[in-house]
Amino acid sequence: MYLDYWKLKLMPFDNSADARFFYESSGHQEAVTRLLFAIQTHKAVAMLTGDYGTGKTMVCETVIKKIPPNQFKTAFITNPRMDAIDLTREIAYQLGQEIMSRSTYDVLHDFNNLLDRNASTGRHCVAMLDESQHVMNTSILEDLRLLLNHQVNGRFLLTLVFVGQTEFGDMIKAIPQMMQRIGLKFHIPNLQTEEIRAYMTQRLQTAGGKIEIFDDAAIQEIGRISKGNPREINALCDLCLLIGALTAKPQIRIDEVHEAVRERT
């Protein structure tokens, strides 16, 4: 642990999804705005993709906090490795009803009734599926698409939000009917070069530290090596702080960055 050495209150570059450390880059801001638009306008399907570690889960959690609960009922599935029936039952459970049966007929019937009940109270249902690339096969995605068939006066009662790594975009192309219903697609980019210092600054300040722990050359090198991927930045910075503390360095310089790279390879 290096907290005492650098006089920090928290681990600034831990890779857990902690909302206190969420840095809204231009890409994240656009992702949040677009997802909110898709949900508030009751689109059938929205798709958010990004490379690993770009903050997709944080975007979802930010969106959920921003939508009023008296107008929306939200399910957030963090592990979609289930068959279609169990996935539908889990979505229903998070939307407010436990479906005990595993009969396809019963599950669909109860799920449609659940959508109707929420609609009758003025609430639109939203199901977010994080890590969608782990959905076991495209037939499950097709079964999820069928949940959208229950409409009232041509209005969708459910919005499906698929959140996954870049390859999920190729996976969903195998279902033309689903592609036709996608009302919004957005890919979260890595941090831009000028955002990397701001990202590191925000995380260090949240932890009780200052960006001056890293010199300018070290920050530039971290940006170059990580290519702006937040998770890679975190991993490098975390290891740099450990190396610096163990070797009693007054500041993280480019040598510590290169040592961190060697230790990770």
Protein backbone atom coordinates (compact mmCIF):
# COMPACT_ATOMS: atom_id res chain seq x y z
CA MET A 1 0.00 0.00 0.00
CA TYR A 2 1.28 3.43 -0.92
CA LEU A 3 -1.44 5.69 0.54
CA ASP A 4 0.63 6.97 3.45
CA TYR A 5 3.70 7.62 1.31
CA TRP A 6 1.82 9.79 -1.21
CA LYS A 7 -0.53 11.19 1.49
CA LEU A 8 -3.66 9.85 -0.21
CA LYS A 9 -7.00 9.02 1.40
CA LEU A 10 -8.17 6.57 -1.27
CA MET A 11 -6.69 4.41 -4.00
CA PRO A 12 -6.90 6.86 -6.92
CA PHE A 13 -6.48 4.39 -9.77
CA ASP A 14 -8.37 1.37 -8.59
CA ASN A 15 -10.21 -0.23 -11.52
CA SER A 16 -13.47 -0.85 -9.64
CA ALA A 17 -16.54 1.03 -10.85
CA ASP A 18 -16.64 3.77 -8.20
CA ALA A 19 -18.88 6.68 -9.20
CA ARG A 20 -16.79 9.08 -7.12
CA PHE A 21 -13.97 8.72 -9.65
CA PHE A 22 -16.11 8.95 -12.79
CA TYR A 23 -14.54 11.40 -15.22
CA GLU A 24 -16.98 12.58 -17.87
CA SER A 25 -14.87 12.95 -20.96
CA SER A 26 -16.44 14.37 -24.10
CA GLY A 27 -17.11 10.80 -25.22
CA HIS A 28 -18.74 9.84 -21.93
CA GLN A 29 -20.87 12.99 -21.92
CA GLU A 30 -22.11 12.22 -25.41
CA ALA A 31 -22.80 8.59 -24.48
CA VAL A 32 -24.88 9.66 -21.46
CA THR A 33 -26.79 12.25 -23.50
CA ARG A 34 -27.54 9.82 -26.32
CA LEU A 35 -28.68 7.02 -24.01
CA LEU A 36 -30.93 9.40 -22.10
CA PHE A 37 -32.45 10.52 -25.40
CA ALA A 38 -33.09 6.93 -26.49
CA ILE A 39 -34.75 6.08 -23.17
CA GLN A 40 -36.78 9.27 -22.82
CA THR A 41 -38.13 8.95 -26.37
CA HIS A 42 -38.97 5.26 -25.82
CA LYS A 43 -36.77 3.83 -28.56
CA ALA A 44 -37.05 0.07 -28.97
CA VAL A 45 -33.31 -0.69 -28.89
CA ALA A 46 -30.17 1.28 -28.10
CA MET A 47 -26.61 -0.01 -28.39
CA LEU A 48 -23.54 1.29 -26.58
CA THR A 49 -20.18 -0.23 -27.42
CA GLY A 50 -16.58 0.46 -26.49
CA ASP A 51 -13.27 -1.25 -25.94
CA TYR A 52 -12.65 -2.88 -22.57
CA GLY A 53 -12.06 -0.39 -19.80
CA THR A 54 -13.65 2.64 -21.48
CA GLY A 55 -16.23 3.19 -18.74
CA LYS A 56 -19.38 1.69 -20.25
CA THR A 57 -20.70 0.50 -16.90
CA MET A 58 -20.15 3.93 -15.36
CA VAL A 59 -22.13 5.48 -18.21
CA CYS A 60 -25.02 3.10 -17.51
CA GLU A 61 -24.99 3.87 -13.79
CA THR A 62 -24.91 7.61 -14.54
CA VAL A 63 -27.89 7.29 -16.88
CA ILE A 64 -29.88 5.27 -14.34
CA LYS A 65 -29.36 8.00 -11.74
CA LYS A 66 -30.54 10.67 -14.16
CA ILE A 67 -33.84 9.11 -15.25
CA PRO A 68 -36.77 9.88 -12.91
CA PRO A 69 -38.04 6.72 -11.16
CA ASN A 70 -41.64 7.89 -11.32
CA GLN A 71 -41.43 7.78 -15.13
CA PHE A 72 -39.14 4.79 -15.71
CA LYS A 73 -38.63 1.34 -14.23
CA THR A 74 -35.13 0.03 -14.87
CA ALA A 75 -33.46 -3.36 -14.86
CA PHE A 76 -29.65 -3.46 -15.01
CA ILE A 77 -28.28 -6.89 -15.89
CA THR A 78 -24.57 -7.15 -15.15
CA ASN A 79 -24.15 -10.82 -16.09
CA PRO A 80 -26.22 -11.89 -19.11
CA ARG A 81 -24.81 -15.44 -19.28
CA MET A 82 -28.25 -17.06 -19.06
CA ASP A 83 -30.67 -18.75 -21.38
CA ALA A 84 -33.49 -16.64 -22.80
CA ILE A 85 -36.07 -17.72 -20.23
CA ASP A 86 -33.88 -16.99 -17.20
CA LEU A 87 -32.74 -13.70 -18.70
CA THR A 88 -36.35 -12.63 -19.21
CA ARG A 89 -37.22 -13.74 -15.67
CA GLU A 90 -34.28 -11.75 -14.26
CA ILE A 91 -35.33 -8.63 -16.17
CA ALA A 92 -38.88 -9.10 -14.88
CA TYR A 93 -37.61 -9.54 -11.31
CA GLN A 94 -35.71 -6.28 -11.45
CA LEU A 95 -38.73 -4.57 -12.99
CA GLY A 96 -40.85 -5.66 -10.05
CA GLN A 97 -42.21 -9.17 -10.57
CA GLU A 98 -40.83 -12.58 -9.74
CA ILE A 99 -41.91 -15.12 -12.36
CA MET A 100 -41.70 -18.60 -10.93
CA SER A 101 -42.60 -20.61 -14.03
CA ARG A 102 -40.07 -21.57 -16.69
CA SER A 103 -42.76 -22.20 -19.29
CA THR A 104 -42.15 -19.96 -22.29
CA TYR A 105 -45.86 -19.21 -22.51
CA ASP A 106 -46.16 -18.29 -18.82
CA VAL A 107 -43.02 -16.17 -18.81
CA LEU A 108 -44.05 -14.14 -21.87
CA HIS A 109 -47.61 -13.78 -20.59
CA ASP A 110 -46.45 -12.56 -17.17
CA PHE A 111 -43.82 -10.30 -18.71
CA ASN A 112 -46.36 -8.62 -20.99
CA ASN A 113 -48.68 -8.09 -18.02
CA LEU A 114 -45.78 -6.52 -16.15
CA LEU A 115 -45.18 -4.09 -19.02
CA ASP A 116 -48.89 -3.23 -19.08
CA ARG A 117 -49.00 -2.55 -15.34
CA ASN A 118 -46.01 -0.22 -15.48
CA ALA A 119 -47.46 1.55 -18.52
CA SER A 120 -50.76 2.04 -16.71
CA THR A 121 -48.90 3.94 -13.97
CA GLY A 122 -47.06 6.08 -16.53
CA ARG A 123 -43.75 4.25 -16.29
CA HIS A 124 -41.75 3.07 -19.29
CA CYS A 125 -39.62 -0.05 -18.75
CA VAL A 126 -35.90 -0.14 -19.53
CA ALA A 127 -33.64 -3.21 -19.57
CA MET A 128 -29.90 -2.56 -19.74
CA LEU A 129 -27.69 -5.57 -20.51
CA ASP A 130 -24.09 -4.87 -19.58
CA GLU A 131 -21.35 -7.10 -21.04
CA SER A 132 -23.73 -8.01 -23.87
CA GLN A 133 -20.91 -9.70 -25.78
CA HIS A 134 -21.31 -12.53 -23.24
CA VAL A 135 -24.87 -13.32 -24.31
CA MET A 136 -24.46 -16.99 -25.12
CA ASN A 137 -25.80 -16.99 -28.68
CA THR A 138 -27.74 -14.93 -31.19
CA SER A 139 -30.92 -16.97 -30.67
CA ILE A 140 -31.13 -15.45 -27.17
CA LEU A 141 -30.91 -11.98 -28.67
CA GLU A 142 -33.70 -12.95 -31.06
CA ASP A 143 -35.85 -14.07 -28.11
CA LEU A 144 -35.19 -10.74 -26.39
CA ARG A 145 -36.26 -8.94 -29.54
CA LEU A 146 -39.62 -10.70 -29.32
CA LEU A 147 -40.23 -8.94 -25.99
CA LEU A 148 -40.57 -5.75 -28.02
CA ASN A 149 -43.57 -7.10 -29.92
CA HIS A 150 -45.93 -6.23 -27.07
CA GLN A 151 -46.91 -2.63 -27.84
CA VAL A 152 -49.83 -0.30 -27.18
CA ASN A 153 -51.05 1.83 -30.06
CA GLY A 154 -47.71 1.33 -31.79
CA ARG A 155 -45.79 2.54 -28.73
CA PHE A 156 -43.00 0.42 -27.28
CA LEU A 157 -43.43 -0.40 -23.60
CA LEU A 158 -39.83 -1.58 -23.25
CA THR A 159 -36.45 -0.20 -24.28
CA LEU A 160 -33.60 -2.68 -24.58
CA VAL A 161 -30.14 -1.17 -24.07
CA PHE A 162 -27.27 -3.44 -25.13
CA VAL A 163 -23.92 -2.45 -23.67
CA GLY A 164 -20.89 -4.40 -24.78
CA GLN A 165 -17.40 -4.50 -26.14
CA THR A 166 -16.73 -3.61 -29.74
CA GLU A 167 -17.29 -7.12 -31.05
CA PHE A 168 -20.92 -7.05 -29.93
CA GLY A 169 -21.63 -4.81 -32.91
CA ASP A 170 -20.68 -7.67 -35.23
CA MET A 171 -22.67 -10.17 -33.18
CA ILE A 172 -25.93 -8.25 -33.45
CA LYS A 173 -25.58 -7.83 -37.21
CA ALA A 174 -26.62 -11.48 -37.49
CA ILE A 175 -30.16 -10.42 -36.51
CA PRO A 176 -31.47 -8.06 -39.23
CA GLN A 177 -34.80 -7.64 -37.41
CA MET A 178 -32.96 -6.39 -34.32
CA MET A 179 -30.75 -4.09 -36.39
CA GLN A 180 -33.85 -2.50 -37.87
CA ARG A 181 -35.12 -1.61 -34.41
CA ILE A 182 -31.94 0.00 -33.15
CA GLY A 183 -32.85 3.62 -32.58
CA LEU A 184 -29.41 4.66 -31.37
CA LYS A 185 -25.85 3.37 -31.68
CA PHE A 186 -22.82 4.95 -30.05
CA HIS A 187 -19.22 3.84 -29.58
CA ILE A 188 -17.33 5.29 -26.61
CA PRO A 189 -13.88 6.41 -27.76
CA ASN A 190 -10.74 6.32 -25.65
CA LEU A 191 -9.72 9.55 -23.94
CA GLN A 192 -8.32 12.21 -26.21
CA THR A 193 -4.71 13.24 -25.59
CA GLU A 194 -5.72 16.51 -23.93
CA GLU A 195 -8.13 14.69 -21.61
CA ILE A 196 -5.60 12.32 -20.06
CA ARG A 197 -4.07 14.89 -17.69
CA ALA A 198 -7.56 16.03 -16.64
CA TYR A 199 -8.59 12.42 -16.05
CA MET A 200 -5.55 11.73 -13.84
CA THR A 201 -6.00 15.05 -12.04
CA GLN A 202 -9.63 14.34 -11.22
CA ARG A 203 -8.87 10.89 -9.82
CA LEU A 204 -5.92 12.08 -7.74
CA GLN A 205 -7.90 15.03 -6.34
CA THR A 206 -10.79 12.73 -5.42
CA ALA A 207 -8.28 10.60 -3.51
CA GLY A 208 -6.84 13.63 -1.72
CA GLY A 209 -3.73 14.07 -3.89
CA LYS A 210 -2.41 16.31 -6.65
CA ILE A 211 -1.40 15.75 -10.26
CA GLU A 212 2.10 16.98 -9.38
CA ILE A 213 2.81 13.49 -8.05
CA PHE A 214 3.50 12.73 -11.75
CA ASP A 215 5.82 14.92 -13.78
CA ASP A 216 4.83 16.08 -17.27
CA ALA A 217 6.96 13.56 -19.14
CA ALA A 218 5.48 10.69 -17.12
CA ILE A 219 1.93 11.84 -17.90
CA GLN A 220 2.71 12.07 -21.61
CA GLU A 221 4.29 8.62 -21.61
CA ILE A 222 1.32 7.10 -19.77
CA GLY A 223 -0.96 8.61 -22.39
CA ARG A 224 1.14 7.25 -25.24
CA ILE A 225 1.38 3.72 -23.83
CA SER A 226 -2.27 3.48 -22.75
CA LYS A 227 -3.60 5.05 -25.96
CA GLY A 228 -6.12 6.84 -23.77
CA ASN A 229 -7.80 3.69 -22.46
CA PRO A 230 -8.94 4.52 -18.89
CA ARG A 231 -8.38 1.03 -17.53
CA GLU A 232 -4.85 0.93 -18.93
CA ILE A 233 -4.15 4.38 -17.49
CA ASN A 234 -5.35 3.18 -14.08
CA ALA A 235 -3.22 0.05 -14.17
CA LEU A 236 -0.08 1.95 -15.13
CA CYS A 237 -0.60 4.76 -12.63
CA ASP A 238 -1.40 2.37 -9.81
CA LEU A 239 1.81 0.43 -10.40
CA CYS A 240 3.83 3.64 -10.79
CA LEU A 241 2.65 4.84 -7.39
CA LEU A 242 3.63 1.54 -5.82
CA ILE A 243 7.07 1.55 -7.46
CA GLY A 244 7.63 5.16 -6.47
CA ALA A 245 6.72 4.47 -2.86
CA LEU A 246 8.90 1.36 -2.65
CA THR A 247 11.90 3.24 -4.04
CA ALA A 248 11.19 6.45 -2.09
CA LYS A 249 10.88 8.64 -5.19
CA PRO A 250 9.76 12.24 -4.61
CA GLN A 251 7.82 12.21 -7.89
CA ILE A 252 6.78 9.74 -10.58
CA ARG A 253 8.99 10.21 -13.62
CA ILE A 254 9.30 8.45 -16.93
CA ASP A 255 11.66 5.82 -15.46
CA GLU A 256 8.93 4.63 -13.09
CA VAL A 257 6.48 4.46 -16.01
CA HIS A 258 8.86 2.25 -18.00
CA GLU A 259 9.44 0.06 -14.93
CA ALA A 260 5.66 -0.33 -14.56
CA VAL A 261 5.42 -1.36 -18.21
CA ARG A 262 8.14 -3.97 -17.73
CA GLU A 263 6.38 -5.39 -14.69
CA ARG A 264 3.11 -5.71 -16.61
CA THR A 265 4.63 -7.55 -19.59
